[in-house]
PDB file of N, CA and C in Angstrom:
ATOM      1  N   MET A   1     -87.524  47.514-142.460  1.00  0.00           N
ATOM      2  CA  MET A   1     -88.324  47.466-141.245  1.00  0.00           C
ATOM      3  C   MET A   1     -87.722  46.497-140.230  1.00  0.00           C
ATOM      4  N   ARG A   2     -87.187  45.396-140.713  1.00  0.00           N
ATOM      5  CA  ARG A   2     -86.633  44.421-139.786  1.00  0.00           C
ATOM      6  C   ARG A   2     -85.546  45.059-138.920  1.00  0.00           C
ATOM      7  N   ALA A   3     -84.727  45.950-139.501  1.00  0.00           N
ATOM      8  CA  ALA A   3     -83.675  46.612-138.728  1.00  0.00           C
ATOM      9  C   ALA A   3     -84.280  47.453-137.605  1.00  0.00           C
ATOM     10  N   THR A   4     -85.374  48.149-137.887  1.00  0.00           N
ATOM     11  CA  THR A   4     -86.035  48.962-136.867  1.00  0.00           C
ATOM     12  C   THR A   4     -86.528  48.090-135.722  1.00  0.00           C
ATOM     13  N   LEU A   5     -87.109  46.952-136.054  1.00  0.00           N
ATOM     14  CA  LEU A   5     -87.603  46.052-135.008  1.00  0.00           C
ATOM     15  C   LEU A   5     -86.454  45.464-134.196  1.00  0.00           C
ATOM     16  N   PHE A   6     -85.346  45.133-134.850  1.00  0.00           N
ATOM     17  CA  PHE A   6     -84.198  44.602-134.115  1.00  0.00           C
ATOM     18  C   PHE A   6     -83.588  45.670-133.202  1.00  0.00           C
ATOM     19  N   THR A   7     -83.550  46.912-133.660  1.00  0.00           N
ATOM     20  CA  THR A   7     -83.061  48.007-132.817  1.00  0.00           C
ATOM     21  C   THR A   7     -83.978  48.188-131.611  1.00  0.00           C
ATOM     22  N   LEU A   8     -85.282  48.148-131.855  1.00  0.00           N
ATOM     23  CA  LEU A   8     -86.239  48.261-130.751  1.00  0.00           C
ATOM     24  C   LEU A   8     -86.091  47.091-129.791  1.00  0.00           C
ATOM     25  N   GLU A   9     -85.897  45.894-130.314  1.00  0.00           N
ATOM     26  CA  GLU A   9     -85.708  44.726-129.460  1.00  0.00           C
ATOM     27  C   GLU A   9     -84.512  44.930-128.524  1.00  0.00           C
ATOM     28  N   GLN A  10     -83.413  45.437-129.060  1.00  0.00           N
ATOM     29  CA  GLN A  10     -82.221  45.669-128.235  1.00  0.00           C
ATOM     30  C   GLN A  10     -82.470  46.745-127.178  1.00  0.00           C
ATOM     31  N   THR A  11     -83.166  47.795-127.561  1.00  0.00           N
ATOM     32  CA  THR A  11     -83.492  48.862-126.608  1.00  0.00           C
ATOM     33  C   THR A  11     -84.348  48.311-125.471  1.00  0.00           C
ATOM     34  N   ILE A  12     -85.347  47.521-125.819  1.00  0.00           N
ATOM     35  CA  ILE A  12     -86.221  46.913-124.799  1.00  0.00           C
ATOM     36  C   ILE A  12     -85.410  46.029-123.865  1.00  0.00           C
ATOM     37  N   ARG A  13     -84.552  45.187-124.421  1.00  0.00           N
ATOM     38  CA  ARG A  13     -83.754  44.284-123.586  1.00  0.00           C
ATOM     39  C   ARG A  13     -82.828  45.068-122.648  1.00  0.00           C
ATOM     40  N   GLN A  14     -82.283  46.183-123.118  1.00  0.00           N
ATOM     41  CA  GLN A  14     -81.404  47.002-122.278  1.00  0.00           C
ATOM     42  C   GLN A  14     -82.174  47.704-121.162  1.00  0.00           C
ATOM     43  N   ARG A  15     -83.382  48.108-121.451  1.00  0.00           N
ATOM     44  CA  ARG A  15     -84.150  48.896-120.476  1.00  0.00           C
ATOM     45  C   ARG A  15     -84.935  48.057-119.475  1.00  0.00           C
ATOM     46  N   ARG A  16     -85.003  46.758-119.662  1.00  0.00           N
ATOM     47  CA  ARG A  16     -85.779  45.913-118.750  1.00  0.00           C
ATOM     48  C   ARG A  16     -85.277  46.020-117.311  1.00  0.00           C
ATOM     49  N   SER A  17     -83.975  46.234-117.157  1.00  0.00           N
ATOM     50  CA  SER A  17     -83.407  46.308-115.801  1.00  0.00           C
ATOM     51  C   SER A  17     -83.138  47.747-115.360  1.00  0.00           C
ATOM     52  N   ALA A  18     -83.674  48.702-116.077  1.00  0.00           N
ATOM     53  CA  ALA A  18     -83.497  50.115-115.715  1.00  0.00           C
ATOM     54  C   ALA A  18     -84.364  50.454-114.507  1.00  0.00           C
ATOM     55  N   ASP A  19     -84.310  51.687-114.109  1.00  0.00           N
ATOM     56  CA  ASP A  19     -85.106  52.184-112.987  1.00  0.00           C
ATOM     57  C   ASP A  19     -86.571  52.306-113.433  1.00  0.00           C
ATOM     58  N   PRO A  20     -87.480  51.583-112.783  1.00  0.00           N
ATOM     59  CA  PRO A  20     -88.888  51.649-113.174  1.00  0.00           C
ATOM     60  C   PRO A  20     -89.514  53.036-113.067  1.00  0.00           C
ATOM     61  N   SER A  21     -88.895  53.920-112.315  1.00  0.00           N
ATOM     62  CA  SER A  21     -89.450  55.269-112.207  1.00  0.00           C
ATOM     63  C   SER A  21     -89.098  56.127-113.417  1.00  0.00           C
ATOM     64  N   THR A  22     -88.139  55.667-114.216  1.00  0.00           N
ATOM     65  CA  THR A  22     -87.730  56.444-115.394  1.00  0.00           C
ATOM     66  C   THR A  22     -87.889  55.680-116.703  1.00  0.00           C
ATOM     67  N   SER A  23     -88.266  54.409-116.643  1.00  0.00           N
ATOM     68  CA  SER A  23     -88.374  53.590-117.852  1.00  0.00           C
ATOM     69  C   SER A  23     -89.700  52.831-117.862  1.00  0.00           C
ATOM     70  N   TYR A  24     -90.494  53.066-118.901  1.00  0.00           N
ATOM     71  CA  TYR A  24     -91.758  52.346-119.056  1.00  0.00           C
ATOM     72  C   TYR A  24     -91.504  50.850-119.192  1.00  0.00           C
ATOM     73  N   VAL A  25     -90.469  50.482-119.934  1.00  0.00           N
ATOM     74  CA  VAL A  25     -90.129  49.064-120.114  1.00  0.00           C
ATOM     75  C   VAL A  25     -89.835  48.428-118.757  1.00  0.00           C
ATOM     76  N   ALA A  26     -89.006  49.070-117.962  1.00  0.00           N
ATOM     77  CA  ALA A  26     -88.663  48.535-116.646  1.00  0.00           C
ATOM     78  C   ALA A  26     -89.889  48.477-115.738  1.00  0.00           C
ATOM     79  N   LYS A  27     -90.723  49.501-115.813  1.00  0.00           N
ATOM     80  CA  LYS A  27     -91.933  49.541-114.980  1.00  0.00           C
ATOM     81  C   LYS A  27     -92.862  48.379-115.319  1.00  0.00           C
ATOM     82  N   LEU A  28     -93.079  48.149-116.610  1.00  0.00           N
ATOM     83  CA  LEU A  28     -93.960  47.059-117.020  1.00  0.00           C
ATOM     84  C   LEU A  28     -93.332  45.705-116.697  1.00  0.00           C
ATOM     85  N   THR A  29     -92.017  45.592-116.892  1.00  0.00           N
ATOM     86  CA  THR A  29     -91.312  44.352-116.560  1.00  0.00           C
ATOM     87  C   THR A  29     -91.459  44.047-115.068  1.00  0.00           C
ATOM     88  N   ALA A  30     -91.334  45.065-114.234  1.00  0.00           N
ATOM     89  CA  ALA A  30     -91.455  44.877-112.778  1.00  0.00           C
ATOM     90  C   ALA A  30     -92.849  44.406-112.379  1.00  0.00           C
ATOM     91  N   ARG A  31     -93.839  44.742-113.181  1.00  0.00           N
ATOM     92  CA  ARG A  31     -95.219  44.342-112.869  1.00  0.00           C
ATOM     93  C   ARG A  31     -95.493  42.888-113.255  1.00  0.00           C
ATOM     94  N   GLY A  32     -94.599  42.290-114.043  1.00  0.00           N
ATOM     95  CA  GLY A  32     -94.699  40.868-114.323  1.00  0.00           C
ATOM     96  C   GLY A  32     -95.243  40.537-115.703  1.00  0.00           C
ATOM     97  N   ARG A  33     -95.019  39.291-116.066  1.00  0.00           N
ATOM     98  CA  ARG A  33     -95.412  38.787-117.385  1.00  0.00           C
ATOM     99  C   ARG A  33     -96.913  38.898-117.629  1.00  0.00           C
ATOM    100  N   GLY A  34     -97.705  38.678-116.596  1.00  0.00           N
ATOM    101  CA  GLY A  34     -99.151  38.780-116.759  1.00  0.00           C
ATOM    102  C   GLY A  34     -99.574  40.167-117.215  1.00  0.00           C
ATOM    103  N   LYS A  35     -98.959  41.190-116.636  1.00  0.00           N
ATOM    104  CA  LYS A  35     -99.291  42.569-117.016  1.00  0.00           C
ATOM    105  C   LYS A  35     -98.804  42.871-118.433  1.00  0.00           C
ATOM    106  N   ILE A  36     -97.624  42.364-118.774  1.00  0.00           N
ATOM    107  CA  ILE A  36     -97.116  42.562-120.131  1.00  0.00           C
ATOM    108  C   ILE A  36     -98.052  41.893-121.127  1.00  0.00           C
ATOM    109  N   ALA A  37     -98.451  40.667-120.843  1.00  0.00           N
ATOM    110  CA  ALA A  37     -99.363  39.941-121.735  1.00  0.00           C
ATOM    111  C   ALA A  37    -100.703  40.661-121.845  1.00  0.00           C
ATOM    112  N   GLN A  38    -101.174  41.202-120.741  1.00  0.00           N
ATOM    113  CA  GLN A  38    -102.426  41.965-120.758  1.00  0.00           C
ATOM    114  C   GLN A  38    -102.310  43.153-121.707  1.00  0.00           C
ATOM    115  N   LYS A  39    -101.176  43.846-121.665  1.00  0.00           N
ATOM    116  CA  LYS A  39    -100.959  45.001-122.549  1.00  0.00           C
ATOM    117  C   LYS A  39    -100.946  44.566-124.018  1.00  0.00           C
ATOM    118  N   VAL A  40    -100.363  43.409-124.317  1.00  0.00           N
ATOM    119  CA  VAL A  40    -100.378  42.895-125.692  1.00  0.00           C
ATOM    120  C   VAL A  40    -101.828  42.694-126.127  1.00  0.00           C
ATOM    121  N   GLY A  41    -102.617  42.084-125.271  1.00  0.00           N
ATOM    122  CA  GLY A  41    -104.028  41.863-125.583  1.00  0.00           C
ATOM    123  C   GLY A  41    -104.786  43.160-125.781  1.00  0.00           C
ATOM    124  N   GLU A  42    -104.558  44.129-124.909  1.00  0.00           N
ATOM    125  CA  GLU A  42    -105.238  45.423-125.029  1.00  0.00           C
ATOM    126  C   GLU A  42    -104.891  46.099-126.353  1.00  0.00           C
ATOM    127  N   GLU A  43    -103.612  46.096-126.699  1.00  0.00           N
ATOM    128  CA  GLU A  43    -103.189  46.742-127.946  1.00  0.00           C
ATOM    129  C   GLU A  43    -103.745  46.008-129.160  1.00  0.00           C
ATOM    130  N   ALA A  44    -103.836  44.693-129.087  1.00  0.00           N
ATOM    131  CA  ALA A  44    -104.406  43.923-130.196  1.00  0.00           C
ATOM    132  C   ALA A  44    -105.875  44.286-130.399  1.00  0.00           C
ATOM    133  N   VAL A  45    -106.609  44.366-129.307  1.00  0.00           N
ATOM    134  CA  VAL A  45    -108.028  44.743-129.383  1.00  0.00           C
ATOM    135  C   VAL A  45    -108.172  46.154-129.938  1.00  0.00           C
ATOM    136  N   GLU A  46    -107.334  47.072-129.476  1.00  0.00           N
ATOM    137  CA  GLU A  46    -107.408  48.446-129.972  1.00  0.00           C
ATOM    138  C   GLU A  46    -107.080  48.519-131.462  1.00  0.00           C
ATOM    139  N   ALA A  47    -106.162  47.682-131.930  1.00  0.00           N
ATOM    140  CA  ALA A  47    -105.844  47.633-133.361  1.00  0.00           C
ATOM    141  C   ALA A  47    -107.036  47.108-134.155  1.00  0.00           C
ATOM    142  N   VAL A  48    -107.690  46.091-133.638  1.00  0.00           N
ATOM    143  CA  VAL A  48    -108.875  45.540-134.303  1.00  0.00           C
ATOM    144  C   VAL A  48    -109.990  46.584-134.372  1.00  0.00           C
ATOM    145  N   ILE A  49    -110.209  47.286-133.279  1.00  0.00           N
ATOM    146  CA  ILE A  49    -111.252  48.323-133.250  1.00  0.00           C
ATOM    147  C   ILE A  49    -110.941  49.405-134.285  1.00  0.00           C
ATOM    148  N   ALA A  50    -109.695  49.835-134.353  1.00  0.00           N
ATOM    149  CA  ALA A  50    -109.314  50.864-135.329  1.00  0.00           C
ATOM    150  C   ALA A  50    -109.512  50.357-136.757  1.00  0.00           C
ATOM    151  N   ALA A  51    -109.164  49.100-136.998  1.00  0.00           N
ATOM    152  CA  ALA A  51    -109.345  48.524-138.341  1.00  0.00           C
ATOM    153  C   ALA A  51    -110.816  48.469-138.712  1.00  0.00           C
ATOM    154  N   MET A  52    -111.639  48.028-137.778  1.00  0.00           N
ATOM    155  CA  MET A  52    -113.073  47.911-138.051  1.00  0.00           C
ATOM    156  C   MET A  52    -113.717  49.283-138.245  1.00  0.00           C
ATOM    157  N   ALA A  53    -113.149  50.305-137.620  1.00  0.00           N
ATOM    158  CA  ALA A  53    -113.669  51.664-137.773  1.00  0.00           C
ATOM    159  C   ALA A  53    -113.143  52.324-139.048  1.00  0.00           C
ATOM    160  N   GLY A  54    -112.199  51.646-139.699  1.00  0.00           N
ATOM    161  CA  GLY A  54    -111.624  52.212-140.909  1.00  0.00           C
ATOM    162  C   GLY A  54    -110.699  53.391-140.642  1.00  0.00           C
ATOM    163  N   ASN A  55    -110.170  53.480-139.433  1.00  0.00           N
ATOM    164  CA  ASN A  55    -109.312  54.595-139.052  1.00  0.00           C
ATOM    165  C   ASN A  55    -107.850  54.202-139.275  1.00  0.00           C
ATOM    166  N   ARG A  56    -107.339  54.551-140.444  1.00  0.00           N
ATOM    167  CA  ARG A  56    -105.987  54.152-140.837  1.00  0.00           C
ATOM    168  C   ARG A  56    -104.927  54.676-139.874  1.00  0.00           C
ATOM    169  N   ASP A  57    -104.967  55.961-139.547  1.00  0.00           N
ATOM    170  CA  ASP A  57    -103.953  56.544-138.667  1.00  0.00           C
ATOM    171  C   ASP A  57    -103.956  55.888-137.290  1.00  0.00           C
ATOM    172  N   GLU A  58    -105.140  55.636-136.777  1.00  0.00           N
ATOM    173  CA  GLU A  58    -105.233  54.988-135.467  1.00  0.00           C
ATOM    174  C   GLU A  58    -104.721  53.550-135.552  1.00  0.00           C
ATOM    175  N   LEU A  59    -105.028  52.864-136.640  1.00  0.00           N
ATOM    176  CA  LEU A  59    -104.547  51.491-136.810  1.00  0.00           C
ATOM    177  C   LEU A  59    -103.021  51.463-136.878  1.00  0.00           C
ATOM    178  N   VAL A  60    -102.420  52.418-137.559  1.00  0.00           N
ATOM    179  CA  VAL A  60    -100.958  52.482-137.613  1.00  0.00           C
ATOM    180  C   VAL A  60    -100.389  52.659-136.203  1.00  0.00           C
ATOM    181  N   GLY A  61    -100.939  53.581-135.448  1.00  0.00           N
ATOM    182  CA  GLY A  61    -100.462  53.821-134.089  1.00  0.00           C
ATOM    183  C   GLY A  61    -100.655  52.626-133.174  1.00  0.00           C
ATOM    184  N   GLU A  62    -101.823  52.016-133.240  1.00  0.00           N
ATOM    185  CA  GLU A  62    -102.097  50.851-132.387  1.00  0.00           C
ATOM    186  C   GLU A  62    -101.232  49.656-132.796  1.00  0.00           C
ATOM    187  N   SER A  63    -100.952  49.539-134.089  1.00  0.00           N
ATOM    188  CA  SER A  63    -100.080  48.453-134.563  1.00  0.00           C
ATOM    189  C   SER A  63     -98.666  48.635-134.023  1.00  0.00           C
ATOM    190  N   ALA A  64     -98.198  49.890-133.995  1.00  0.00           N
ATOM    191  CA  ALA A  64     -96.880  50.162-133.420  1.00  0.00           C
ATOM    192  C   ALA A  64     -96.873  49.802-131.934  1.00  0.00           C
ATOM    193  N   ASP A  65     -97.935  50.166-131.222  1.00  0.00           N
ATOM    194  CA  ASP A  65     -98.039  49.815-129.799  1.00  0.00           C
ATOM    195  C   ASP A  65     -98.044  48.297-129.614  1.00  0.00           C
ATOM    196  N   LEU A  66     -98.768  47.606-130.477  1.00  0.00           N
ATOM    197  CA  LEU A  66     -98.857  46.148-130.393  1.00  0.00           C
ATOM    198  C   LEU A  66     -97.485  45.508-130.615  1.00  0.00           C
ATOM    199  N   LEU A  67     -96.772  45.945-131.640  1.00  0.00           N
ATOM    200  CA  LEU A  67     -95.445  45.399-131.902  1.00  0.00           C
ATOM    201  C   LEU A  67     -94.499  45.668-130.740  1.00  0.00           C
ATOM    202  N   PHE A  68     -94.549  46.874-130.195  1.00  0.00           N
ATOM    203  CA  PHE A  68     -93.708  47.214-129.046  1.00  0.00           C
ATOM    204  C   PHE A  68     -93.974  46.269-127.877  1.00  0.00           C
ATOM    205  N   HIS A  69     -95.238  46.122-127.520  1.00  0.00           N
ATOM    206  CA  HIS A  69     -95.573  45.289-126.364  1.00  0.00           C
ATOM    207  C   HIS A  69     -95.304  43.812-126.632  1.00  0.00           C
ATOM    208  N   LEU A  70     -95.475  43.367-127.870  1.00  0.00           N
ATOM    209  CA  LEU A  70     -95.146  41.983-128.213  1.00  0.00           C
ATOM    210  C   LEU A  70     -93.644  41.751-128.069  1.00  0.00           C
ATOM    211  N   LEU A  71     -92.824  42.700-128.511  1.00  0.00           N
ATOM    212  CA  LEU A  71     -91.376  42.562-128.340  1.00  0.00           C
ATOM    213  C   LEU A  71     -91.001  42.527-126.864  1.00  0.00           C
ATOM    214  N   LEU A  72     -91.692  43.303-126.050  1.00  0.00           N
ATOM    215  CA  LEU A  72     -91.438  43.274-124.601  1.00  0.00           C
ATOM    216  C   LEU A  72     -91.816  41.910-124.025  1.00  0.00           C
ATOM    217  N   LEU A  73     -92.941  41.358-124.451  1.00  0.00           N
ATOM    218  CA  LEU A  73     -93.345  40.032-123.980  1.00  0.00           C
ATOM    219  C   LEU A  73     -92.342  38.963-124.422  1.00  0.00           C
ATOM    220  N   LEU A  74     -91.901  39.032-125.669  1.00  0.00           N
ATOM    221  CA  LEU A  74     -90.901  38.077-126.156  1.00  0.00           C
ATOM    222  C   LEU A  74     -89.620  38.180-125.326  1.00  0.00           C
ATOM    223  N   ALA A  75     -89.183  39.403-125.025  1.00  0.00           N
ATOM    224  CA  ALA A  75     -87.982  39.585-124.205  1.00  0.00           C
ATOM    225  C   ALA A  75     -88.179  38.975-122.821  1.00  0.00           C
ATOM    226  N   ASP A  76     -89.359  39.176-122.257  1.00  0.00           N
ATOM    227  CA  ASP A  76     -89.643  38.620-120.936  1.00  0.00           C
ATOM    228  C   ASP A  76     -89.613  37.095-120.953  1.00  0.00           C
ATOM    229  N   CYS A  77     -89.971  36.512-122.083  1.00  0.00           N
ATOM    230  CA  CYS A  77     -89.965  35.046-122.241  1.00  0.00           C
ATOM    231  C   CYS A  77     -88.637  34.538-122.784  1.00  0.00           C
ATOM    232  N   ASP A  78     -87.666  35.440-122.941  1.00  0.00           N
ATOM    233  CA  ASP A  78     -86.348  35.112-123.490  1.00  0.00           C
ATOM    234  C   ASP A  78     -86.449  34.461-124.876  1.00  0.00           C
ATOM    235  N   ILE A  79     -87.316  35.042-125.700  1.00  0.00           N
ATOM    236  CA  ILE A  79     -87.463  34.611-127.093  1.00  0.00           C
ATOM    237  C   ILE A  79     -87.031  35.782-127.962  1.00  0.00           C
ATOM    238  N   SER A  80     -86.130  35.507-128.882  1.00  0.00           N
ATOM    239  CA  SER A  80     -85.606  36.582-129.724  1.00  0.00           C
ATOM    240  C   SER A  80     -86.514  36.826-130.927  1.00  0.00           C
ATOM    241  N   LEU A  81     -86.419  38.033-131.443  1.00  0.00           N
ATOM    242  CA  LEU A  81     -87.118  38.362-132.682  1.00  0.00           C
ATOM    243  C   LEU A  81     -86.601  37.476-133.807  1.00  0.00           C
ATOM    244  N   ASP A  82     -85.321  37.139-133.774  1.00  0.00           N
ATOM    245  CA  ASP A  82     -84.758  36.217-134.766  1.00  0.00           C
ATOM    246  C   ASP A  82     -85.510  34.893-134.781  1.00  0.00           C
ATOM    247  N   ALA A  83     -85.853  34.371-133.606  1.00  0.00           N
ATOM    248  CA  ALA A  83     -86.571  33.095-133.536  1.00  0.00           C
ATOM    249  C   ALA A  83     -87.935  33.210-134.214  1.00  0.00           C
ATOM    250  N   VAL A  84     -88.611  34.327-134.012  1.00  0.00           N
ATOM    251  CA  VAL A  84     -89.915  34.544-134.639  1.00  0.00           C
ATOM    252  C   VAL A  84     -89.752  34.696-136.148  1.00  0.00           C
ATOM    253  N   CYS A  85     -88.752  35.467-136.563  1.00  0.00           N
ATOM    254  CA  CYS A  85     -88.502  35.643-138.002  1.00  0.00           C
ATOM    255  C   CYS A  85     -88.113  34.322-138.653  1.00  0.00           C
ATOM    256  N   ASP A  86     -87.330  33.519-137.955  1.00  0.00           N
ATOM    257  CA  ASP A  86     -86.964  32.193-138.484  1.00  0.00           C
ATOM    258  C   ASP A  86     -88.210  31.340-138.697  1.00  0.00           C
ATOM    259  N   GLU A  87     -89.137  31.401-137.758  1.00  0.00           N
ATOM    260  CA  GLU A  87     -90.376  30.631-137.894  1.00  0.00           C
ATOM    261  C   GLU A  87     -91.198  31.130-139.078  1.00  0.00           C
ATOM    262  N   LEU A  88     -91.267  32.435-139.248  1.00  0.00           N
ATOM    263  CA  LEU A  88     -91.991  32.986-140.403  1.00  0.00           C
ATOM    264  C   LEU A  88     -91.332  32.557-141.713  1.00  0.00           C
ATOM    265  N   GLU A  89     -90.009  32.570-141.739  1.00  0.00           N
ATOM    266  CA  GLU A  89     -89.287  32.137-142.940  1.00  0.00           C
ATOM    267  C   GLU A  89     -89.527  30.658-143.206  1.00  0.00           C
ATOM    268  N   ARG A  90     -89.594  29.854-142.145  1.00  0.00           N
ATOM    269  CA  ARG A  90     -89.871  28.424-142.310  1.00  0.00           C
ATOM    270  C   ARG A  90     -91.236  28.206-142.952  1.00  0.00           C
ATOM    271  N   ARG A  91     -92.176  29.069-142.607  1.00  0.00           N
ATOM    272  CA  ARG A  91     -93.531  28.939-143.127  1.00  0.00           C
ATOM    273  C   ARG A  91     -93.707  29.540-144.521  1.00  0.00           C
ATOM    274  N   GLU A  92     -92.726  30.318-144.975  1.00  0.00           N
ATOM    275  CA  GLU A  92     -92.819  30.980-146.274  1.00  0.00           C
ATOM    276  C   GLU A  92     -93.100  29.952-147.377  1.00  0.00           C
ATOM    277  N   GLY A  93     -94.094  30.260-148.185  1.00  0.00           N
ATOM    278  CA  GLY A  93     -94.437  29.393-149.300  1.00  0.00           C
ATOM    279  C   GLY A  93     -95.312  28.209-148.936  1.00  0.00           C
ATOM    280  N   VAL A  94     -95.660  28.106-147.669  1.00  0.00           N
ATOM    281  CA  VAL A  94     -96.533  27.010-147.219  1.00  0.00           C
ATOM    282  C   VAL A  94     -97.927  27.586-147.018  1.00  0.00           C
ATOM    283  N   SER A  95     -98.901  26.929-147.565  1.00  0.00           N
ATOM    284  CA  SER A  95    -100.287  27.361-147.385  1.00  0.00           C
ATOM    285  C   SER A  95    -100.609  27.438-145.897  1.00  0.00           C
ATOM    286  N   GLY A  96    -101.301  28.495-145.508  1.00  0.00           N
ATOM    287  CA  GLY A  96    -101.703  28.632-144.118  1.00  0.00           C
ATOM    288  C   GLY A  96    -102.548  27.459-143.644  1.00  0.00           C
ATOM    289  N   ILE A  97    -103.380  26.957-144.524  1.00  0.00           N
ATOM    290  CA  ILE A  97    -104.220  25.805-144.175  1.00  0.00           C
ATOM    291  C   ILE A  97    -103.352  24.576-143.965  1.00  0.00           C
ATOM    292  N   ALA A  98    -102.380  24.359-144.861  1.00  0.00           N
ATOM    293  CA  ALA A  98    -101.488  23.204-144.741  1.00  0.00           C
ATOM    294  C   ALA A  98    -100.608  23.326-143.497  1.00  0.00           C
ATOM    295  N   GLU A  99    -100.109  24.530-143.231  1.00  0.00           N
ATOM    296  CA  GLU A  99     -99.248  24.724-142.067  1.00  0.00           C
ATOM    297  C   GLU A  99    -100.006  24.444-140.781  1.00  0.00           C
ATOM    298  N   LYS A 100    -101.223  24.937-140.690  1.00  0.00           N
ATOM    299  CA  LYS A 100    -102.009  24.708-139.480  1.00  0.00           C
ATOM    300  C   LYS A 100    -102.346  23.218-139.320  1.00  0.00           C
ATOM    301  N   ALA A 101    -102.638  22.546-140.424  1.00  0.00           N
ATOM    302  CA  ALA A 101    -102.963  21.111-140.381  1.00  0.00           C
ATOM    303  C   ALA A 101    -101.759  20.267-139.944  1.00  0.00           C
ATOM    304  N   SER A 102    -100.531  20.777-140.178  1.00  0.00           N
ATOM    305  CA  SER A 102     -99.338  20.014-139.832  1.00  0.00           C
ATOM    306  C   SER A 102     -98.979  20.109-138.357  1.00  0.00           C
ATOM    307  N   ARG A 103     -99.621  20.988-137.628  1.00  0.00           N
ATOM    308  CA  ARG A 103     -99.314  21.145-136.206  1.00  0.00           C
ATOM    309  C   ARG A 103     -99.867  19.967-135.424  1.00  0.00           C
ATOM    310  N   PRO A 104     -99.122  19.556-134.399  1.00  0.00           N
ATOM    311  CA  PRO A 104     -99.655  18.461-133.558  1.00  0.00           C
ATOM    312  C   PRO A 104    -100.906  18.898-132.819  1.00  0.00           C
ATOM    313  N   THR A 105    -101.812  17.983-132.653  1.00  0.00           N
ATOM    314  CA  THR A 105    -103.026  18.281-131.885  1.00  0.00           C
ATOM    315  C   THR A 105    -102.860  17.751-130.477  1.00  0.00           C
ATOM    316  N   ASP A 106    -103.417  18.479-129.539  1.00  0.00           N
ATOM    317  CA  ASP A 106    -103.304  18.067-128.119  1.00  0.00           C
ATOM    318  C   ASP A 106    -104.454  17.217-127.710  1.00  0.00           C
TER     319      ASP A 106
END
């Protein structure tokens, strides 16, 4: 799966500067980070709704949409999927409670 996500990440990065009339990625990028972030939020909510409804097929589709839009947001912020995977690997084997407690508080 990681290879599929890395391939998608590269496709998204290549299409960000494409013609917005022919590329959804370019169109959303042209609308700005706020719109991209909004789409991530919308897809997350739709995934939650599908999960709560017990609709497996819809949850799979919404999860794919969520991952796509999250990768687009990461690209817009110049954050690589590798950086996210590195962070997940750093957290591997650490209790979620312990990891959250180790974060600095503001």
